[in-house]
């Protein structure tokens, strides 16, 4: 049998080897697939050219190209499945985060609405309070107990004596807006009345 014409067979082996190396690498295996097809075509041509000669190189080149094609298809399927799983895991995690955020936002909004409802102060009622006339009991009956209370004594010029006093604060810290009322009360005739007041953020 005549010696094999080697050029096409060698080219098939070279291209098949390159394709085989690149067939394992993501993205690069797309190019490896094309190179493997070229190697396969060269191997087939080498077989035809050497139909009455030895065909060792042509067969080796075709085997390399076929192996590369199979590996490319297998690895792309594997990588595709891995990407699908990663995508599903990401979507599930994202959905879970969105659900938790929505729940947290809903709970926060509910908490703020409850705080707003419990804060009875309004700008109109604050303006209606008269220094020296409106009593502590009247205010508590309208807006509820203060958040903080500090007791002390003040000098009463009318009686020339020390009288009990207290500073009271009503605060809206956890609502949808911030508001605060501070009132200083002094005791007159056994009743705490407003001495002076300050308010911020009232609606």
N, C-alpha and C. Protein backbone atom coordinates (compact mmCIF):
# COMPACT_ATOMS: atom_id res chain seq x y z
N UNK A 1 0.86 -1.20 0.00
CA UNK A 1 0.00 0.00 0.00
C UNK A 1 0.90 1.25 0.00
N UNK A 2 0.49 2.22 -0.81
CA UNK A 2 1.28 3.44 -0.94
C UNK A 2 1.26 4.24 0.35
N UNK A 3 2.32 5.07 0.53
CA UNK A 3 2.38 5.93 1.70
C UNK A 3 1.27 6.99 1.66
N UNK A 4 0.84 7.34 2.81
CA UNK A 4 -0.26 8.31 2.97
C UNK A 4 0.20 9.71 2.61
N UNK A 5 -0.66 10.44 1.91
CA UNK A 5 -0.43 11.87 1.71
C UNK A 5 -0.74 12.56 3.04
N UNK A 6 0.26 13.19 3.64
CA UNK A 6 0.16 13.55 5.04
C UNK A 6 -0.34 14.97 5.33
N UNK A 7 -0.32 15.83 4.35
CA UNK A 7 -0.60 17.25 4.63
C UNK A 7 -1.98 17.44 5.26
N UNK A 8 -3.02 16.92 4.61
CA UNK A 8 -4.38 17.08 5.12
C UNK A 8 -4.55 16.38 6.47
N UNK A 9 -3.94 15.19 6.58
CA UNK A 9 -4.03 14.45 7.83
C UNK A 9 -3.38 15.19 8.99
N UNK A 10 -2.20 15.78 8.71
CA UNK A 10 -1.51 16.56 9.75
C UNK A 10 -2.34 17.79 10.15
N UNK A 11 -2.89 18.46 9.14
CA UNK A 11 -3.75 19.62 9.44
C UNK A 11 -4.95 19.20 10.28
N UNK A 12 -5.54 18.06 9.94
CA UNK A 12 -6.68 17.56 10.71
C UNK A 12 -6.28 17.28 12.15
N UNK A 13 -5.09 16.71 12.35
CA UNK A 13 -4.61 16.43 13.71
C UNK A 13 -4.34 17.73 14.47
N UNK A 14 -3.72 18.70 13.81
CA UNK A 14 -3.41 19.98 14.46
C UNK A 14 -4.69 20.69 14.89
N UNK A 15 -5.62 20.82 13.93
CA UNK A 15 -6.88 21.48 14.27
C UNK A 15 -7.67 20.69 15.30
N UNK A 16 -7.65 19.37 15.17
CA UNK A 16 -8.36 18.52 16.15
C UNK A 16 -7.76 18.66 17.53
N UNK A 17 -6.41 18.74 17.61
CA UNK A 17 -5.76 18.93 18.91
C UNK A 17 -6.10 20.26 19.54
N UNK A 18 -6.08 21.32 18.72
CA UNK A 18 -6.44 22.65 19.23
C UNK A 18 -7.88 22.65 19.73
N UNK A 19 -8.77 22.04 18.94
CA UNK A 19 -10.18 21.96 19.33
C UNK A 19 -10.35 21.17 20.62
N UNK A 20 -9.58 20.10 20.77
CA UNK A 20 -9.68 19.26 21.98
C UNK A 20 -9.27 20.03 23.23
N UNK A 21 -8.20 20.83 23.09
CA UNK A 21 -7.74 21.63 24.23
C UNK A 21 -8.78 22.68 24.62
N UNK A 22 -9.35 23.34 23.61
CA UNK A 22 -10.31 24.41 23.89
C UNK A 22 -11.71 23.93 24.20
N UNK A 23 -11.98 22.64 23.98
CA UNK A 23 -13.34 22.14 24.15
C UNK A 23 -13.80 22.13 25.60
N UNK A 24 -12.87 22.20 26.56
CA UNK A 24 -13.22 22.16 27.97
C UNK A 24 -13.48 23.54 28.56
N UNK A 25 -13.11 24.58 27.84
CA UNK A 25 -13.15 25.93 28.40
C UNK A 25 -14.45 26.64 28.01
N UNK A 26 -15.21 27.13 29.00
CA UNK A 26 -16.44 27.86 28.67
C UNK A 26 -16.16 29.04 27.75
N UNK A 27 -17.09 29.33 26.86
CA UNK A 27 -17.01 30.40 25.87
C UNK A 27 -16.00 30.06 24.77
N UNK A 28 -14.76 29.72 25.16
CA UNK A 28 -13.77 29.33 24.15
C UNK A 28 -14.18 28.07 23.39
N UNK A 29 -15.00 27.23 24.05
CA UNK A 29 -15.38 25.99 23.37
C UNK A 29 -16.32 26.24 22.19
N UNK A 30 -16.89 27.44 22.10
CA UNK A 30 -17.67 27.77 20.90
C UNK A 30 -16.75 27.83 19.68
N UNK A 31 -15.59 28.48 19.86
CA UNK A 31 -14.60 28.52 18.79
C UNK A 31 -14.00 27.15 18.55
N UNK A 32 -13.81 26.37 19.65
CA UNK A 32 -13.25 25.02 19.52
C UNK A 32 -14.17 24.13 18.69
N UNK A 33 -15.48 24.35 18.83
CA UNK A 33 -16.43 23.55 18.04
C UNK A 33 -16.25 23.80 16.55
N UNK A 34 -16.07 25.08 16.18
CA UNK A 34 -15.87 25.42 14.77
C UNK A 34 -14.57 24.81 14.25
N UNK A 35 -13.51 24.90 15.07
CA UNK A 35 -12.21 24.33 14.67
C UNK A 35 -12.33 22.82 14.52
N UNK A 36 -13.12 22.18 15.41
CA UNK A 36 -13.31 20.73 15.33
C UNK A 36 -14.03 20.35 14.04
N UNK A 37 -15.00 21.17 13.63
CA UNK A 37 -15.70 20.91 12.35
C UNK A 37 -14.73 21.00 11.18
N UNK A 38 -13.87 22.04 11.23
CA UNK A 38 -12.85 22.19 10.18
C UNK A 38 -11.93 20.97 10.15
N UNK A 39 -11.50 20.52 11.34
CA UNK A 39 -10.63 19.33 11.42
C UNK A 39 -11.33 18.10 10.88
N UNK A 40 -12.63 17.97 11.19
CA UNK A 40 -13.40 16.81 10.69
C UNK A 40 -13.49 16.84 9.17
N UNK A 41 -13.74 18.02 8.62
CA UNK A 41 -13.81 18.15 7.15
C UNK A 41 -12.46 17.80 6.52
N UNK A 42 -11.38 18.31 7.11
CA UNK A 42 -10.05 17.99 6.59
C UNK A 42 -9.77 16.49 6.68
N UNK A 43 -10.21 15.86 7.78
CA UNK A 43 -10.02 14.42 7.93
C UNK A 43 -10.78 13.63 6.89
N UNK A 44 -12.02 14.06 6.62
CA UNK A 44 -12.82 13.37 5.58
C UNK A 44 -12.16 13.52 4.21
N UNK A 45 -11.71 14.74 3.92
CA UNK A 45 -11.03 14.97 2.63
C UNK A 45 -9.77 14.10 2.55
N UNK A 46 -9.03 14.04 3.69
CA UNK A 46 -7.81 13.21 3.71
C UNK A 46 -8.14 11.75 3.46
N UNK A 47 -9.26 11.28 4.00
CA UNK A 47 -9.68 9.89 3.74
C UNK A 47 -9.97 9.67 2.26
N UNK A 48 -10.66 10.63 1.66
CA UNK A 48 -11.00 10.51 0.23
C UNK A 48 -9.73 10.53 -0.61
N UNK A 49 -8.83 11.47 -0.28
CA UNK A 49 -7.58 11.58 -1.04
C UNK A 49 -6.74 10.31 -0.90
N UNK A 50 -6.77 9.72 0.29
CA UNK A 50 -5.94 8.54 0.56
C UNK A 50 -6.76 7.24 0.54
N UNK A 51 -7.79 7.20 -0.29
CA UNK A 51 -8.66 6.02 -0.28
C UNK A 51 -7.90 4.74 -0.67
N UNK A 52 -6.80 4.87 -1.43
CA UNK A 52 -6.02 3.69 -1.81
C UNK A 52 -4.64 3.70 -1.12
N UNK A 53 -4.52 4.58 -0.10
CA UNK A 53 -3.26 4.67 0.63
C UNK A 53 -3.53 4.46 2.12
N UNK A 54 -2.45 4.55 2.89
CA UNK A 54 -2.62 4.49 4.33
C UNK A 54 -3.40 5.73 4.79
N UNK A 55 -4.19 5.54 5.87
CA UNK A 55 -5.07 6.64 6.33
C UNK A 55 -4.89 6.93 7.82
N UNK A 56 -3.72 6.64 8.37
CA UNK A 56 -3.51 6.76 9.81
C UNK A 56 -3.72 8.19 10.30
N UNK A 57 -3.04 9.13 9.66
CA UNK A 57 -3.14 10.53 10.10
C UNK A 57 -4.55 11.07 9.94
N UNK A 58 -5.19 10.71 8.84
CA UNK A 58 -6.56 11.17 8.60
C UNK A 58 -7.50 10.64 9.67
N UNK A 59 -7.35 9.36 10.02
CA UNK A 59 -8.22 8.76 11.04
C UNK A 59 -7.97 9.39 12.41
N UNK A 60 -6.69 9.60 12.73
CA UNK A 60 -6.36 10.24 14.00
C UNK A 60 -6.96 11.65 14.08
N UNK A 61 -6.83 12.42 13.00
CA UNK A 61 -7.39 13.76 12.96
C UNK A 61 -8.89 13.76 13.12
N UNK A 62 -9.57 12.80 12.46
CA UNK A 62 -11.03 12.71 12.59
C UNK A 62 -11.44 12.31 14.00
N UNK A 63 -10.70 11.40 14.61
CA UNK A 63 -11.02 10.98 15.98
C UNK A 63 -10.88 12.15 16.96
N UNK A 64 -9.81 12.94 16.76
CA UNK A 64 -9.63 14.11 17.63
C UNK A 64 -10.77 15.12 17.45
N UNK A 65 -11.16 15.34 16.20
CA UNK A 65 -12.22 16.30 15.93
C UNK A 65 -13.56 15.81 16.48
N UNK A 66 -13.85 14.51 16.31
CA UNK A 66 -15.11 13.96 16.84
C UNK A 66 -15.13 14.02 18.37
N UNK A 67 -13.98 13.69 18.98
CA UNK A 67 -13.90 13.77 20.45
C UNK A 67 -14.12 15.21 20.91
N UNK A 68 -13.55 16.17 20.19
CA UNK A 68 -13.72 17.59 20.55
C UNK A 68 -15.18 18.00 20.44
N UNK A 69 -15.84 17.58 19.37
CA UNK A 69 -17.25 17.93 19.18
C UNK A 69 -18.10 17.37 20.31
N UNK A 70 -17.85 16.11 20.67
CA UNK A 70 -18.61 15.47 21.75
C UNK A 70 -18.38 16.19 23.07
N UNK A 71 -17.12 16.53 23.36
CA UNK A 71 -16.80 17.21 24.61
C UNK A 71 -17.43 18.59 24.66
N UNK A 72 -17.40 19.32 23.53
CA UNK A 72 -18.01 20.65 23.48
C UNK A 72 -19.50 20.55 23.79
N UNK A 73 -20.19 19.62 23.15
CA UNK A 73 -21.63 19.48 23.38
C UNK A 73 -21.93 19.09 24.82
N UNK A 74 -21.10 18.18 25.37
CA UNK A 74 -21.32 17.73 26.75
C UNK A 74 -21.06 18.86 27.76
N UNK A 75 -19.94 19.57 27.56
CA UNK A 75 -19.61 20.64 28.52
C UNK A 75 -20.59 21.81 28.41
N UNK A 76 -21.04 22.13 27.21
CA UNK A 76 -22.00 23.21 27.07
C UNK A 76 -23.32 22.86 27.75
N UNK A 77 -23.71 21.58 27.64
CA UNK A 77 -24.93 21.14 28.34
C UNK A 77 -24.74 21.24 29.84
N UNK A 78 -23.56 20.83 30.32
CA UNK A 78 -23.27 20.90 31.76
C UNK A 78 -23.26 22.34 32.25
N UNK A 79 -22.58 23.22 31.50
CA UNK A 79 -22.50 24.62 31.90
C UNK A 79 -23.88 25.28 31.85
N UNK A 80 -24.67 24.89 30.84
CA UNK A 80 -26.01 25.45 30.72
C UNK A 80 -26.88 25.06 31.92
N UNK A 81 -26.78 23.79 32.34
CA UNK A 81 -27.54 23.35 33.51
C UNK A 81 -27.08 24.08 34.77
N UNK A 82 -25.75 24.27 34.88
CA UNK A 82 -25.21 24.97 36.05
C UNK A 82 -25.70 26.42 36.08
N UNK A 83 -25.72 27.06 34.90
CA UNK A 83 -26.21 28.44 34.83
C UNK A 83 -27.69 28.52 35.16
N UNK A 84 -28.47 27.53 34.68
CA UNK A 84 -29.89 27.51 34.98
C UNK A 84 -30.12 27.39 36.48
N UNK A 85 -29.36 26.49 37.12
CA UNK A 85 -29.50 26.31 38.56
C UNK A 85 -29.10 27.58 39.32
N UNK A 86 -28.01 28.20 38.86
CA UNK A 86 -27.57 29.45 39.50
C UNK A 86 -28.61 30.55 39.32
N UNK A 87 -29.20 30.60 38.11
CA UNK A 87 -30.23 31.60 37.84
C UNK A 87 -31.46 31.38 38.71
N UNK A 88 -31.86 30.12 38.88
CA UNK A 88 -33.01 29.82 39.72
C UNK A 88 -32.72 30.16 41.18
N UNK A 89 -31.50 29.82 41.63
CA UNK A 89 -31.12 30.13 43.01
C UNK A 89 -31.12 31.65 43.24
N UNK A 90 -30.63 32.39 42.24
CA UNK A 90 -30.62 33.85 42.35
C UNK A 90 -32.03 34.41 42.39
N UNK A 91 -32.90 33.90 41.52
CA UNK A 91 -34.28 34.37 41.49
C UNK A 91 -35.00 34.07 42.80
N UNK A 92 -34.75 32.86 43.34
CA UNK A 92 -35.37 32.50 44.61
C UNK A 92 -34.88 33.40 45.73
N UNK A 93 -33.55 33.65 45.75
CA UNK A 93 -32.99 34.53 46.77
C UNK A 93 -33.53 35.95 46.63
N UNK A 94 -33.62 36.41 45.38
CA UNK A 94 -34.13 37.75 45.12
C UNK A 94 -35.60 37.87 45.54
N UNK A 95 -36.39 36.84 45.22
CA UNK A 95 -37.81 36.84 45.60
C UNK A 95 -37.95 36.84 47.11
N UNK A 96 -37.10 36.06 47.77
CA UNK A 96 -37.15 35.99 49.23
C UNK A 96 -36.81 37.35 49.85
N UNK A 97 -35.77 38.00 49.29
CA UNK A 97 -35.37 39.32 49.79
C UNK A 97 -36.49 40.33 49.56
N UNK A 98 -37.10 40.28 48.36
CA UNK A 98 -38.20 41.20 48.06
C UNK A 98 -39.37 40.99 49.00
N UNK A 99 -39.67 39.70 49.28
CA UNK A 99 -40.79 39.38 50.17
C UNK A 99 -40.50 39.88 51.58
N UNK A 100 -39.25 39.66 52.04
CA UNK A 100 -38.87 40.13 53.38
C UNK A 100 -38.92 41.65 53.46
N UNK A 101 -38.46 42.31 52.37
CA UNK A 101 -38.46 43.77 52.35
C UNK A 101 -39.90 44.30 52.36
N UNK A 102 -40.77 43.66 51.56
CA UNK A 102 -42.17 44.09 51.52
C UNK A 102 -42.83 43.91 52.88
N UNK A 103 -42.53 42.75 53.51
CA UNK A 103 -43.10 42.48 54.83
C UNK A 103 -42.59 43.50 55.84
N UNK A 104 -41.27 43.78 55.78
CA UNK A 104 -40.69 44.75 56.70
C UNK A 104 -41.27 46.13 56.48
N UNK A 105 -41.44 46.51 55.18
CA UNK A 105 -42.00 47.82 54.87
C UNK A 105 -43.44 47.92 55.36
N UNK A 106 -44.21 46.82 55.19
CA UNK A 106 -45.60 46.81 55.63
C UNK A 106 -45.69 46.93 57.14
N UNK A 107 -44.81 46.18 57.84
CA UNK A 107 -44.81 46.24 59.30
C UNK A 107 -44.40 47.63 59.78
N UNK A 108 -43.41 48.23 59.11
CA UNK A 108 -42.96 49.56 59.48
C UNK A 108 -44.07 50.59 59.26
N UNK A 109 -44.78 50.47 58.12
CA UNK A 109 -45.87 51.40 57.83
C UNK A 109 -46.99 51.24 58.86
N UNK A 110 -47.29 49.99 59.24
CA UNK A 110 -48.31 49.74 60.25
C UNK A 110 -47.91 50.31 61.60
N UNK A 111 -46.63 50.14 61.94
CA UNK A 111 -46.11 50.68 63.20
C UNK A 111 -46.20 52.21 63.21
N UNK A 112 -45.84 52.84 62.08
CA UNK A 112 -45.90 54.29 62.00
C UNK A 112 -47.34 54.79 62.09
N UNK A 113 -48.27 54.08 61.43
CA UNK A 113 -49.67 54.48 61.47
C UNK A 113 -50.23 54.39 62.89
N UNK A 114 -49.82 53.33 63.61
CA UNK A 114 -50.26 53.17 65.00
C UNK A 114 -49.70 54.29 65.88
N UNK A 115 -48.41 54.62 65.66
CA UNK A 115 -47.80 55.70 66.43
C UNK A 115 -48.48 57.04 66.13
N UNK A 116 -48.79 57.28 64.85
CA UNK A 116 -49.48 58.52 64.47
C UNK A 116 -50.84 58.62 65.17
N UNK A 117 -51.56 57.46 65.21
CA UNK A 117 -52.89 57.45 65.81
C UNK A 117 -52.83 57.69 67.32
N UNK A 118 -51.75 57.21 67.96
CA UNK A 118 -51.63 57.37 69.41
C UNK A 118 -51.17 58.77 69.82
N UNK A 119 -50.61 59.51 68.87
CA UNK A 119 -50.15 60.87 69.16
C UNK A 119 -51.33 61.82 68.90
N UNK A 120 -51.94 62.31 69.95
CA UNK A 120 -53.20 63.06 69.84
C UNK A 120 -53.01 64.56 69.61
N UNK A 121 -51.78 65.01 69.66
CA UNK A 121 -51.54 66.44 69.54
C UNK A 121 -51.80 66.93 68.11
N UNK A 122 -52.39 68.11 68.03
CA UNK A 122 -52.54 68.79 66.74
C UNK A 122 -52.12 70.24 66.93
N UNK A 123 -51.82 70.88 65.83
CA UNK A 123 -51.40 72.28 65.90
C UNK A 123 -52.52 73.15 66.45
N UNK A 124 -53.76 72.81 66.07
CA UNK A 124 -54.92 73.61 66.53
C UNK A 124 -55.10 73.47 68.04
N UNK A 125 -54.97 72.22 68.55
CA UNK A 125 -55.15 72.05 70.00
C UNK A 125 -54.01 72.71 70.77
N UNK A 126 -52.79 72.62 70.24
CA UNK A 126 -51.65 73.26 70.90
C UNK A 126 -51.89 74.76 71.02
N UNK A 127 -52.41 75.37 69.94
CA UNK A 127 -52.65 76.82 69.97
C UNK A 127 -53.78 77.19 70.95
N UNK A 128 -54.69 76.23 71.24
CA UNK A 128 -55.82 76.53 72.12
C UNK A 128 -55.44 76.53 73.60
N UNK A 129 -54.27 76.01 73.91
CA UNK A 129 -53.82 75.95 75.31
C UNK A 129 -53.43 77.35 75.78
N UNK A 130 -53.97 77.75 76.93
CA UNK A 130 -53.75 79.10 77.45
C UNK A 130 -52.84 79.02 78.67
N UNK A 131 -51.74 79.77 78.63
CA UNK A 131 -50.83 79.81 79.78
C UNK A 131 -51.56 80.34 81.01
N UNK A 132 -51.34 79.67 82.15
CA UNK A 132 -51.94 80.10 83.42
C UNK A 132 -53.38 79.66 83.59
N UNK A 133 -53.97 79.03 82.55
CA UNK A 133 -55.38 78.64 82.64
C UNK A 133 -55.59 77.14 82.41
N UNK A 134 -55.06 76.65 81.30
CA UNK A 134 -55.26 75.23 80.97
C UNK A 134 -54.52 74.35 81.97
N UNK A 135 -55.19 73.32 82.47
CA UNK A 135 -54.61 72.47 83.50
C UNK A 135 -53.97 71.21 82.91
N UNK A 136 -53.12 70.63 83.75
CA UNK A 136 -52.47 69.36 83.36
C UNK A 136 -53.52 68.28 83.12
N UNK A 137 -54.51 68.20 84.02
CA UNK A 137 -55.54 67.17 83.90
C UNK A 137 -56.34 67.32 82.61
N UNK A 138 -56.62 68.57 82.21
CA UNK A 138 -57.36 68.80 80.97
C UNK A 138 -56.56 68.31 79.76
N UNK A 139 -55.27 68.59 79.77
CA UNK A 139 -54.42 68.18 78.65
C UNK A 139 -54.30 66.66 78.59
N UNK A 140 -54.08 66.02 79.75
CA UNK A 140 -53.96 64.56 79.78
C UNK A 140 -55.26 63.90 79.31
N UNK A 141 -56.39 64.48 79.67
CA UNK A 141 -57.68 63.92 79.26
C UNK A 141 -57.85 63.99 77.75
N UNK A 142 -57.17 64.95 77.10
CA UNK A 142 -57.31 65.13 75.65
C UNK A 142 -56.26 64.34 74.86
N UNK A 143 -55.01 64.40 75.29
CA UNK A 143 -53.93 63.80 74.49
C UNK A 143 -53.25 62.61 75.17
N UNK A 144 -53.61 62.31 76.43
CA UNK A 144 -53.00 61.19 77.11
C UNK A 144 -51.79 61.60 77.93
N UNK A 145 -51.25 60.61 78.66
CA UNK A 145 -50.11 60.86 79.54
C UNK A 145 -48.87 61.24 78.73
N UNK A 146 -48.01 62.09 79.29
CA UNK A 146 -46.77 62.45 78.59
C UNK A 146 -45.79 61.29 78.55
N UNK A 147 -44.86 61.33 77.60
CA UNK A 147 -43.82 60.29 77.50
C UNK A 147 -42.83 60.39 78.65
N UNK A 148 -42.49 61.61 79.01
CA UNK A 148 -41.56 61.83 80.14
C UNK A 148 -42.07 62.97 81.01
N UNK A 149 -41.80 62.84 82.32
CA UNK A 149 -42.20 63.88 83.28
C UNK A 149 -41.07 64.07 84.29
N UNK A 150 -40.69 65.33 84.53
CA UNK A 150 -39.68 65.66 85.53
C UNK A 150 -40.27 66.69 86.50
N UNK A 151 -40.18 66.38 87.78
CA UNK A 151 -40.75 67.28 88.79
C UNK A 151 -39.66 68.16 89.40
N UNK A 152 -40.08 69.34 89.86
CA UNK A 152 -39.14 70.28 90.47
C UNK A 152 -39.97 71.29 91.28
N UNK A 153 -39.38 72.40 91.62
CA UNK A 153 -40.12 73.48 92.29
C UNK A 153 -39.79 74.80 91.60
N UNK A 154 -40.75 75.71 91.65
CA UNK A 154 -40.58 77.05 91.10
C UNK A 154 -40.94 78.08 92.19
N UNK A 155 -40.38 79.26 92.04
CA UNK A 155 -40.75 80.34 92.95
C UNK A 155 -42.00 81.02 92.43
N UNK A 156 -43.02 81.11 93.30
CA UNK A 156 -44.28 81.76 92.95
C UNK A 156 -44.29 83.15 93.54
N UNK A 157 -44.23 84.16 92.66
CA UNK A 157 -44.16 85.54 93.13
C UNK A 157 -45.44 85.96 93.86
N UNK A 158 -46.60 85.35 93.50
CA UNK A 158 -47.87 85.74 94.12
C UNK A 158 -47.92 85.31 95.58
N UNK A 159 -47.38 84.14 95.88
CA UNK A 159 -47.44 83.63 97.26
C UNK A 159 -46.10 83.77 97.97
N UNK A 160 -45.09 84.25 97.22
CA UNK A 160 -43.74 84.42 97.78
C UNK A 160 -43.26 83.11 98.42
N UNK A 161 -43.42 82.02 97.65
CA UNK A 161 -43.02 80.71 98.18
C UNK A 161 -42.66 79.78 97.02
N UNK A 162 -41.99 78.68 97.36
CA UNK A 162 -41.69 77.65 96.37
C UNK A 162 -42.93 76.78 96.15
N UNK A 163 -43.25 76.53 94.89
CA UNK A 163 -44.41 75.69 94.56
C UNK A 163 -43.94 74.55 93.67
N UNK A 164 -44.63 73.39 93.72
CA UNK A 164 -44.26 72.26 92.85
C UNK A 164 -44.41 72.63 91.37
N UNK A 165 -43.54 72.09 90.57
CA UNK A 165 -43.62 72.27 89.12
C UNK A 165 -43.22 70.96 88.43
N UNK A 166 -43.55 70.85 87.17
CA UNK A 166 -43.12 69.68 86.41
C UNK A 166 -43.03 70.02 84.92
N UNK A 167 -42.07 69.34 84.28
CA UNK A 167 -41.87 69.49 82.84
C UNK A 167 -42.31 68.19 82.17
N UNK A 168 -43.19 68.31 81.21
CA UNK A 168 -43.74 67.13 80.53
C UNK A 168 -43.47 67.20 79.03
N UNK A 169 -43.13 66.06 78.47
CA UNK A 169 -42.85 65.96 77.03
C UNK A 169 -43.74 64.89 76.40
N UNK A 170 -44.32 65.25 75.27
CA UNK A 170 -45.05 64.30 74.43
C UNK A 170 -44.30 64.22 73.10
N UNK A 171 -43.81 63.06 72.76
CA UNK A 171 -42.97 62.92 71.56
C UNK A 171 -43.55 61.88 70.60
N UNK A 172 -43.43 62.18 69.30
CA UNK A 172 -43.77 61.20 68.25
C UNK A 172 -42.46 60.87 67.53
N UNK A 173 -41.79 59.83 68.01
CA UNK A 173 -40.49 59.46 67.43
C UNK A 173 -40.60 58.37 66.37
N UNK A 174 -41.58 57.50 66.51
CA UNK A 174 -41.68 56.32 65.64
C UNK A 174 -42.78 56.43 64.60
N UNK A 175 -43.32 57.61 64.41
CA UNK A 175 -44.40 57.77 63.44
C UNK A 175 -43.88 58.09 62.04
N UNK A 176 -44.79 58.49 61.19
CA UNK A 176 -44.40 58.83 59.82
C UNK A 176 -43.78 60.22 59.73
N UNK A 177 -43.81 60.95 60.82
CA UNK A 177 -43.17 62.25 60.90
C UNK A 177 -42.73 62.47 62.36
N UNK A 178 -41.92 63.47 62.61
CA UNK A 178 -41.47 63.75 63.97
C UNK A 178 -42.23 64.95 64.51
N UNK A 179 -42.70 64.82 65.75
CA UNK A 179 -43.35 65.95 66.41
C UNK A 179 -43.07 65.87 67.91
N UNK A 180 -43.09 67.03 68.56
CA UNK A 180 -42.80 67.06 69.99
C UNK A 180 -43.48 68.26 70.64
N UNK A 181 -43.96 68.01 71.86
CA UNK A 181 -44.56 69.09 72.65
C UNK A 181 -43.93 69.05 74.04
N UNK A 182 -43.49 70.20 74.52
CA UNK A 182 -42.94 70.32 75.87
C UNK A 182 -43.71 71.41 76.62
N UNK A 183 -44.19 71.08 77.82
CA UNK A 183 -44.97 72.04 78.61
C UNK A 183 -44.43 72.07 80.04
N UNK A 184 -44.27 73.26 80.53
CA UNK A 184 -43.86 73.46 81.92
C UNK A 184 -45.11 73.85 82.73
N UNK A 185 -45.39 73.06 83.76
CA UNK A 185 -46.54 73.30 84.62
C UNK A 185 -46.07 73.78 86.00
N UNK A 186 -46.86 74.66 86.59
CA UNK A 186 -46.65 75.05 87.99
C UNK A 186 -47.97 74.85 88.73
N UNK A 187 -47.84 74.62 90.01
CA UNK A 187 -49.04 74.37 90.82
C UNK A 187 -49.58 75.68 91.38
N UNK A 188 -50.87 75.90 91.11
CA UNK A 188 -51.57 77.07 91.65
C UNK A 188 -52.88 76.59 92.26
N UNK A 189 -53.08 76.95 93.52
CA UNK A 189 -54.28 76.53 94.23
C UNK A 189 -54.48 75.01 94.19
N UNK A 190 -53.37 74.30 94.27
CA UNK A 190 -53.44 72.83 94.31
C UNK A 190 -53.60 72.17 92.96
N UNK A 191 -53.58 72.95 91.86
CA UNK A 191 -53.78 72.40 90.51
C UNK A 191 -52.60 72.80 89.63
N UNK A 192 -52.12 71.85 88.85
CA UNK A 192 -51.03 72.18 87.90
C UNK A 192 -51.62 72.86 86.67
N UNK A 193 -51.11 74.05 86.36
CA UNK A 193 -51.55 74.78 85.17
C UNK A 193 -50.34 75.06 84.29
N UNK A 194 -50.62 75.36 83.02
CA UNK A 194 -49.55 75.61 82.06
C UNK A 194 -48.84 76.92 82.39
N UNK A 195 -47.52 76.85 82.46
CA UNK A 195 -46.73 78.06 82.67
C UNK A 195 -46.20 78.56 81.32
N UNK A 196 -45.62 77.65 80.53
CA UNK A 196 -45.23 77.97 79.16
C UNK A 196 -45.14 76.66 78.37
N UNK A 197 -45.10 76.77 77.07
CA UNK A 197 -45.16 75.59 76.19
C UNK A 197 -44.31 75.80 74.94
N UNK A 198 -43.87 74.71 74.37
CA UNK A 198 -43.18 74.73 73.06
C UNK A 198 -43.64 73.49 72.28
N UNK A 199 -43.71 73.64 70.97
CA UNK A 199 -44.11 72.50 70.13
C UNK A 199 -43.44 72.57 68.78
N UNK A 200 -43.08 71.42 68.24
CA UNK A 200 -42.46 71.36 66.89
C UNK A 200 -43.08 70.21 66.09
N UNK A 201 -43.20 70.42 64.79
CA UNK A 201 -43.65 69.37 63.90
C UNK A 201 -45.11 69.03 63.95
N UNK A 202 -45.91 69.83 64.63
CA UNK A 202 -47.34 69.51 64.77
C UNK A 202 -48.08 69.78 63.46
N UNK A 203 -49.13 68.98 63.25
CA UNK A 203 -49.94 69.15 62.03
C UNK A 203 -51.34 69.59 62.40
